[in-house]
Amino acid sequence: MPARPRSLTEPSAISANAMELTNWTVRLSLLCYAAVLCGNAAADGCRHWPDIARWLWTAGCLLLLAHIGCAFQFVHHWQHNLAVAETARRTAAVVGWEFGGGVYFNYAFALIWLGDVVWWWAAKASYRQRPRLVNAIVHSYLFFIAFNGAIVFVAGPTRWIGIAFVLLWSGLAFRAMRNRDNCSPQHQEKT
C-alpha cells in the first residue's frame, strides 16, 4: 500500500522556522492587542497612554498582517482553498463540525482592525469621539475572534496565557467601571 501523500498544511511539511515565524507573528500581535485592552482599562487619565496605545494597536495590526502573509506563504502556498480546508480541519478537530467559512471571520478580523488603525491615524479627533456603540461593536468582534484564536483553537501555554489575559482584563475592566460609576455625578449626589 503506497504511503499517503503528506498535506501541505501538516507541520512536518513546513519548515520549523517558517512555523515559528507564523506562530510568533500572531502571538505578538495578540500580545499587543491584550496590552491595549488592559492599558485602556487601567490607564485612568494617563495623558501619554492614548499615544502609546495607538502605537501598540498599530504594531499589533501590522504583526497580524505579517502573520496572514506568513500563513499564506508557508502554510497555504497562496491558495485560498487550502486556507479554507485547513480552517475546516481545525474547526472539526475542536468542535466536531467541519466548517471552512471561519477563514472569512479571520479576514473580517484583519480588515476591521486595519480599518480601526487607519481611522485612528487619519482622524484622531473623530476616532476619539466616535459613538460608544461603534467602539463596542468593533471591540466585541475583535475580542470574540481573539478569544477563539488564543484560547479555543490552541492548546498548551498559549491557551493558559490567553485565559490569564482574559481574567486580568476582566478584573481591570470591572475596576474601571466601578471607578467610573463612583466618580459619576449621580453617585456623588447620593453620598
Protein backbone atom coordinates (compact mmCIF):
# COMPACT_ATOMS: atom_id res chain seq x y z
CA MET A 1 0.00 0.00 0.00
CA PRO A 2 1.54 3.34 -1.02
CA ALA A 3 2.16 5.96 1.64
CA ARG A 4 -0.48 8.62 1.99
CA PRO A 5 0.75 11.88 0.43
CA ARG A 6 1.57 14.50 3.03
CA SER A 7 -0.75 17.50 3.16
CA LEU A 8 0.91 20.82 2.52
CA THR A 9 -0.52 22.07 5.81
CA GLU A 10 0.81 19.28 8.03
CA PRO A 11 3.50 20.61 10.38
CA SER A 12 6.10 18.12 9.10
CA ALA A 13 5.69 19.55 5.57
CA ILE A 14 6.52 23.07 6.78
CA SER A 15 9.96 24.09 7.99
CA ALA A 16 10.28 24.69 11.71
CA ASN A 17 11.48 28.26 11.15
CA ALA A 18 8.51 29.05 8.92
CA MET A 19 6.08 27.69 11.52
CA GLU A 20 7.81 29.62 14.32
CA LEU A 21 7.61 32.85 12.32
CA THR A 22 3.94 32.19 11.51
CA ASN A 23 3.12 31.40 15.15
CA TRP A 24 5.13 34.21 16.74
CA THR A 25 3.73 36.93 14.49
CA VAL A 26 0.22 36.12 15.71
CA ARG A 27 1.30 35.67 19.33
CA LEU A 28 3.00 39.07 19.35
CA SER A 29 0.01 40.59 17.57
CA LEU A 30 -2.34 39.28 20.26
CA LEU A 31 0.09 40.45 22.95
CA CYS A 32 -0.16 44.00 21.56
CA TYR A 33 -3.93 43.62 21.42
CA ALA A 34 -4.03 42.45 25.05
CA ALA A 35 -1.71 45.27 26.16
CA VAL A 36 -4.01 47.87 24.62
CA LEU A 37 -7.14 46.38 26.18
CA CYS A 38 -5.53 46.11 29.62
CA GLY A 39 -3.92 49.53 29.28
CA ASN A 40 -7.23 51.12 28.31
CA ALA A 41 -8.86 49.60 31.36
CA ALA A 42 -6.02 50.62 33.70
CA ALA A 43 -4.76 53.95 32.26
CA ASP A 44 -7.34 56.07 34.11
CA GLY A 45 -6.34 59.51 32.86
CA CYS A 46 -2.70 58.89 31.97
CA ARG A 47 -2.14 61.55 29.32
CA HIS A 48 0.54 59.57 27.48
CA TRP A 49 -1.44 56.34 27.25
CA PRO A 50 -3.50 57.19 24.12
CA ASP A 51 -0.32 57.72 22.07
CA ILE A 52 1.28 54.56 23.44
CA ALA A 53 -1.94 52.64 22.79
CA ARG A 54 -2.12 53.88 19.20
CA TRP A 55 1.42 52.66 18.51
CA LEU A 56 0.75 49.28 20.17
CA TRP A 57 -2.56 48.97 18.30
CA THR A 58 -0.77 49.68 15.02
CA ALA A 59 2.07 47.26 15.78
CA GLY A 60 -0.44 44.54 16.66
CA CYS A 61 -2.31 45.06 13.42
CA LEU A 62 0.90 45.02 11.35
CA LEU A 63 2.00 41.83 13.10
CA LEU A 64 -1.39 40.28 12.30
CA LEU A 65 -0.95 41.19 8.64
CA ALA A 66 2.54 39.67 8.77
CA HIS A 67 1.01 36.52 10.29
CA ILE A 68 -1.51 36.29 7.46
CA GLY A 69 1.30 36.75 4.95
CA CYS A 70 3.38 34.03 6.63
CA ALA A 71 0.41 31.66 6.80
CA PHE A 72 -0.33 32.11 3.12
CA GLN A 73 3.33 31.88 2.11
CA PHE A 74 4.42 28.93 4.23
CA VAL A 75 1.24 27.03 5.07
CA HIS A 76 -1.34 27.67 2.36
CA HIS A 77 1.03 28.41 -0.55
CA TRP A 78 -1.12 31.35 -1.65
CA GLN A 79 -4.08 29.05 -2.28
CA HIS A 80 -7.30 30.22 -0.69
CA ASN A 81 -8.83 26.73 -0.98
CA LEU A 82 -6.02 25.36 1.23
CA ALA A 83 -6.76 28.04 3.85
CA VAL A 84 -10.44 27.06 3.80
CA ALA A 85 -9.58 23.34 4.02
CA GLU A 86 -7.18 23.90 6.94
CA THR A 87 -9.75 26.04 8.76
CA ALA A 88 -12.36 23.31 8.23
CA ARG A 89 -9.97 20.64 9.52
CA ARG A 90 -9.07 22.63 12.65
CA THR A 91 -12.70 23.51 13.32
CA ALA A 92 -13.70 19.84 13.04
CA ALA A 93 -10.91 18.86 15.43
CA VAL A 94 -12.16 21.34 18.05
CA VAL A 95 -15.94 21.37 17.69
CA GLY A 96 -16.62 18.23 15.63
CA TRP A 97 -18.09 20.18 12.74
CA GLU A 98 -16.18 20.78 9.53
CA PHE A 99 -16.60 24.46 8.67
CA GLY A 100 -14.12 26.28 6.46
CA GLY A 101 -16.07 29.54 6.46
CA GLY A 102 -14.29 30.59 9.63
CA VAL A 103 -11.47 31.84 7.43
CA TYR A 104 -13.79 34.68 6.36
CA PHE A 105 -14.28 35.66 10.01
CA ASN A 106 -10.48 35.89 10.24
CA TYR A 107 -10.34 38.08 7.14
CA ALA A 108 -13.01 40.33 8.67
CA PHE A 109 -10.96 40.48 11.88
CA ALA A 110 -7.93 41.74 9.94
CA LEU A 111 -9.96 44.25 7.90
CA ILE A 112 -11.79 45.64 10.93
CA TRP A 113 -8.55 46.01 12.89
CA LEU A 114 -6.81 47.62 9.89
CA GLY A 115 -9.74 49.98 9.37
CA ASP A 116 -9.63 50.92 13.03
CA VAL A 117 -5.90 51.66 12.82
CA VAL A 118 -6.33 53.76 9.68
CA TRP A 119 -9.19 55.72 11.27
CA TRP A 120 -7.12 56.36 14.41
CA TRP A 121 -4.17 57.71 12.39
CA ALA A 122 -6.17 59.59 9.74
CA ALA A 123 -8.73 61.28 12.01
CA LYS A 124 -7.56 61.14 15.61
CA ALA A 125 -10.21 63.57 16.93
CA SER A 126 -13.04 61.77 15.12
CA TYR A 127 -11.74 58.42 16.32
CA ARG A 128 -11.69 59.53 19.97
CA GLN A 129 -15.21 60.98 19.68
CA ARG A 130 -16.82 58.06 17.86
CA PRO A 131 -20.06 56.73 19.33
CA ARG A 132 -19.72 54.16 22.11
CA LEU A 133 -21.82 51.76 20.05
CA VAL A 134 -19.23 51.77 17.24
CA ASN A 135 -16.48 51.16 19.77
CA ALA A 136 -18.47 48.35 21.40
CA ILE A 137 -19.17 46.64 18.06
CA VAL A 138 -15.54 46.84 16.90
CA HIS A 139 -14.09 45.61 20.18
CA SER A 140 -16.72 42.93 20.73
CA TYR A 141 -15.98 41.37 17.37
CA LEU A 142 -12.21 41.64 17.76
CA PHE A 143 -12.38 40.20 21.26
CA PHE A 144 -14.58 37.29 20.14
CA ILE A 145 -12.16 36.30 17.36
CA ALA A 146 -9.06 36.85 19.53
CA PHE A 147 -10.63 34.76 22.32
CA ASN A 148 -11.27 31.90 19.92
CA GLY A 149 -7.83 32.18 18.37
CA ALA A 150 -5.95 32.41 21.66
CA ILE A 151 -8.00 30.05 23.83
CA VAL A 152 -10.47 27.83 21.98
CA PHE A 153 -8.39 26.78 18.97
CA VAL A 154 -4.99 26.38 20.69
CA ALA A 155 -3.59 24.27 23.47
CA GLY A 156 -0.70 24.46 25.89
CA PRO A 157 0.94 27.64 27.16
CA THR A 158 -0.77 29.90 24.62
CA ARG A 159 -4.19 28.88 25.93
CA TRP A 160 -3.16 29.47 29.55
CA ILE A 161 -1.69 32.86 28.72
CA GLY A 162 -4.92 33.71 26.89
CA ILE A 163 -7.00 32.70 29.91
CA ALA A 164 -4.76 34.72 32.23
CA PHE A 165 -5.15 37.77 29.99
CA VAL A 166 -8.96 37.44 29.93
CA LEU A 167 -9.03 37.23 33.73
CA LEU A 168 -6.66 40.20 34.10
CA TRP A 169 -8.56 42.30 31.59
CA SER A 170 -11.91 41.40 33.17
CA GLY A 171 -10.65 42.50 36.57
CA LEU A 172 -9.23 45.75 35.21
CA ALA A 173 -12.39 46.48 33.23
CA PHE A 174 -14.57 45.79 36.28
CA ARG A 175 -12.40 48.08 38.42
CA ALA A 176 -12.52 50.82 35.76
CA MET A 177 -16.33 50.57 35.57
CA ARG A 178 -16.61 50.80 39.37
CA ASN A 179 -14.29 53.81 39.45
CA ARG A 180 -16.25 55.48 36.65
CA ASP A 181 -19.52 54.80 38.49
CA ASN A 182 -18.09 56.13 41.78
CA CYS A 183 -17.00 59.34 40.04
CA SER A 184 -20.32 59.94 38.29
CA PRO A 185 -22.39 62.99 39.35
CA GLN A 186 -25.31 60.69 40.30
CA HIS A 187 -23.11 58.73 42.72
CA GLN A 188 -21.65 61.88 44.28
CA GLU A 189 -25.15 63.31 44.89
CA LYS A 190 -26.14 60.15 46.80
CA THR A 191 -23.13 60.29 49.15
